[in-house]
Protein backbone atom coordinates (compact mmCIF):
# COMPACT_ATOMS: atom_id res chain seq x y z
CA MET A 1 141.83 -30.60 148.53
CA ARG A 2 143.12 -28.31 151.91
CA SER A 3 144.92 -29.09 155.37
CA GLY A 4 146.98 -27.76 157.35
CA TYR A 5 148.94 -28.64 160.57
CA ILE A 6 150.51 -26.97 163.86
CA GLU A 7 154.06 -25.61 163.15
CA GLY A 8 156.30 -28.61 165.30
CA ASN A 9 153.71 -31.09 164.54
CA ALA A 10 156.39 -33.62 162.28
CA SER A 11 154.28 -36.32 162.11
CA SER A 12 151.44 -34.65 160.86
CA ALA A 13 153.29 -32.78 158.57
CA ALA A 14 154.98 -36.08 157.41
CA VAL A 15 151.82 -37.78 156.79
CA SER A 16 150.63 -34.85 154.96
CA ARG A 17 153.29 -34.95 152.44
CA LYS A 18 153.71 -38.46 151.72
CA VAL A 19 150.41 -38.37 150.37
CA GLY A 20 151.10 -35.48 148.28
CA TYR A 21 150.23 -31.79 149.92
CA VAL A 22 152.76 -29.56 149.10
CA ASP A 23 153.02 -26.07 151.59
CA ASN A 24 150.25 -23.13 150.15
CA GLY A 25 151.56 -20.51 152.59
CA ARG A 26 150.94 -20.12 156.78
CA ARG A 27 148.80 -18.42 159.36
CA ARG A 28 148.73 -17.02 162.76
CA LEU A 29 146.44 -18.42 165.07
CA ASP A 30 145.35 -16.96 168.47
CA ASP A 31 146.45 -19.61 171.12
CA PRO A 32 144.38 -18.93 174.55
CA LYS A 33 146.24 -21.14 176.85
CA SER A 34 149.08 -19.30 176.40
CA ASP A 35 148.31 -15.94 175.33
CA GLY A 36 149.99 -16.32 172.56
CA TYR A 37 149.83 -17.84 168.68
CA ARG A 38 150.98 -20.38 167.33
CA TRP A 39 151.51 -20.81 163.30
CA GLU A 40 149.55 -22.94 160.93
CA ARG A 41 151.24 -24.45 158.18
CA ASP A 42 148.75 -24.37 155.30
CA LEU A 43 148.91 -27.62 152.57
CA LEU A 44 147.26 -28.25 149.49
CA LEU A 45 146.56 -31.63 147.31
CA THR A 46 146.11 -31.79 143.80
CA PRO A 47 145.54 -33.89 141.24
CA ASP A 48 149.33 -33.56 139.90
CA THR A 49 151.03 -33.93 143.32
CA PHE A 50 148.65 -36.56 144.71
CA VAL A 51 151.22 -39.88 145.27
CA ARG A 52 148.90 -42.66 144.25
CA PRO A 53 149.53 -45.97 146.04
CA PRO A 54 151.49 -48.37 144.10
CA PHE A 55 148.29 -50.72 143.83
CA ALA A 56 144.61 -50.95 142.83
CA ILE A 57 142.39 -49.58 145.29
CA GLN A 58 139.04 -50.99 145.54
CA VAL A 59 135.46 -49.54 147.13
CA ARG A 60 133.17 -51.87 148.83
CA GLY A 61 129.51 -50.77 149.77
CA LEU A 62 129.59 -47.31 147.55
CA GLY A 63 125.73 -47.75 146.65
CA PRO A 64 124.43 -47.46 150.05
CA PHE A 65 126.94 -44.35 151.43
CA LEU A 66 126.17 -42.31 148.10
CA HIS A 67 122.45 -43.01 149.12
CA GLN A 68 122.79 -41.85 152.65
CA LEU A 69 124.61 -38.74 150.86
CA GLY A 70 121.25 -38.39 148.76
CA LEU A 71 123.64 -38.85 145.68
CA ASP A 72 122.89 -41.99 144.35
CA ASP A 73 120.61 -40.04 141.79
CA ARG A 74 122.61 -38.90 139.91
CA ARG A 75 122.86 -39.52 136.09
CA ASP A 76 126.75 -37.88 135.32
CA THR A 77 128.02 -40.46 136.53
C-alpha cells in the first residue's frame, strides 16, 4: 500500500511511520499558491513492515459492506 505526505508535515509523518510505512523516495510537486514547489515523501507499507496492534481486531457489518461493493458473491474468500 502506498501513501505520502508533504515534507514538513511532522504529524502525518509520525502517524504513517507508527503503522509501519517506510520511505520510498520523494517527488517535487508544483505549488501554484507560492509559484514554487513542495516535496512529497512517498511511503510504502508491506505485510513485513505493517505494525500490528497488540490486540485482536473484530469487524462487524462486513457482509453489507461487501454487498455494497459487489464483492459478496466471491467464492475465493
